[in-house]
Amino acid sequence: MKDKNLPNDIQSKSVEELTDLATNIIENLENKKNLENSVEEYQMLIKLNNLIEKKFQKNSKQISEHTKDKIKLILQNKNGKKTK
């Protein structure tokens, strides 16, 4: 069950959109009385969860790198002002 099996339109969605989609699947599953026929929905939910996790980790890494770059720039500017 790799996220590669997901359609491209789902893979291109944001974390928020994927979370909304997962929430809708969960609500549909909660409203069903017979869950035996819901294997595909559970599998889709697992795939979505994996994709959300990967996108979240990627976004978190980008934010961390961006923050480090800003801190370096601030420190460089601060050190540059002291030498003048």
Protein backbone atom coordinates (compact mmCIF):
# COMPACT_ATOMS: atom_id res chain seq x y z
CA MET A 1 0.00 0.00 0.00
CA LYS A 2 2.33 2.69 -1.19
CA ASP A 3 1.26 6.24 -1.77
CA LYS A 4 2.45 5.78 -5.36
CA ASN A 5 -0.85 3.96 -5.93
CA LEU A 6 -2.76 7.17 -5.22
CA PRO A 7 -4.03 9.28 -8.12
CA ASN A 8 -1.89 12.31 -9.01
CA ASP A 9 -4.66 14.73 -8.04
CA ILE A 10 -4.54 13.38 -4.48
CA GLN A 11 -0.75 13.47 -4.30
CA SER A 12 -0.73 17.13 -5.34
CA LYS A 13 -3.13 18.21 -2.58
CA SER A 14 -1.99 20.13 0.48
CA VAL A 15 -1.77 18.60 3.94
CA GLU A 16 -4.99 20.41 4.89
CA GLU A 17 -6.87 19.07 1.86
CA LEU A 18 -5.63 15.53 2.53
CA THR A 19 -6.67 15.83 6.17
CA ASP A 20 -10.16 16.93 5.10
CA LEU A 21 -10.37 13.97 2.71
CA ALA A 22 -9.30 11.56 5.47
CA THR A 23 -11.86 13.10 7.83
CA ASN A 24 -14.61 12.53 5.25
CA ILE A 25 -13.60 8.87 4.85
CA ILE A 26 -13.62 8.41 8.63
CA GLU A 27 -17.07 9.99 8.89
CA ASN A 28 -18.36 7.68 6.13
CA LEU A 29 -16.92 4.65 7.91
CA GLU A 30 -18.43 5.71 11.23
CA ASN A 31 -21.87 5.95 9.63
CA LYS A 32 -21.74 2.47 8.09
CA LYS A 33 -23.32 -0.41 9.92
CA ASN A 34 -21.56 -3.17 7.98
CA LEU A 35 -17.84 -2.49 7.87
CA GLU A 36 -16.97 -5.78 6.19
CA ASN A 37 -17.35 -4.16 2.77
CA SER A 38 -15.17 -1.19 3.67
CA VAL A 39 -11.71 -2.66 3.12
CA GLU A 40 -10.97 -0.32 0.20
CA GLU A 41 -11.88 2.72 2.27
CA TYR A 42 -9.63 1.58 5.12
CA GLN A 43 -6.78 1.02 2.67
CA MET A 44 -7.32 4.47 1.17
CA LEU A 45 -7.29 5.94 4.67
CA ILE A 46 -3.96 4.26 5.44
CA LYS A 47 -2.49 5.54 2.16
CA LEU A 48 -3.73 9.05 2.90
CA ASN A 49 -2.27 8.87 6.39
CA ASN A 50 1.13 7.89 5.00
CA LEU A 51 1.02 10.67 2.42
CA ILE A 52 -0.02 13.25 5.04
CA GLU A 53 2.84 12.14 7.28
CA LYS A 54 5.40 12.43 4.46
CA LYS A 55 4.15 15.86 3.41
CA PHE A 56 4.11 17.03 7.01
CA GLN A 57 7.70 15.87 7.52
CA LYS A 58 8.77 17.58 4.28
CA ASN A 59 7.05 20.83 5.28
CA SER A 60 8.55 20.65 8.75
CA LYS A 61 12.03 20.19 7.30
CA GLN A 62 11.55 23.16 4.95
CA ILE A 63 10.39 25.37 7.82
CA SER A 64 13.36 24.30 9.91
CA GLU A 65 15.82 25.03 7.10
CA HIS A 66 14.19 28.39 6.40
CA THR A 67 14.38 29.30 10.09
CA LYS A 68 18.07 28.33 10.26
CA ASP A 69 18.79 30.50 7.21
CA LYS A 70 17.02 33.48 8.78
CA ILE A 71 18.92 33.02 12.05
CA LYS A 72 22.23 32.91 10.15
CA LEU A 73 21.30 36.09 8.27
CA ILE A 74 20.34 37.87 11.49
CA LEU A 75 23.59 36.81 13.16
CA GLN A 76 25.62 37.91 10.13
CA ASN A 77 23.91 41.31 10.13
CA LYS A 78 24.41 41.66 13.88
CA ASN A 79 28.12 40.76 13.61
CA GLY A 80 28.55 43.06 10.61
CA LYS A 81 27.14 46.05 12.49
CA LYS A 82 29.56 45.51 15.40
CA THR A 83 32.62 45.75 13.17
CA LYS A 84 31.61 49.12 11.66
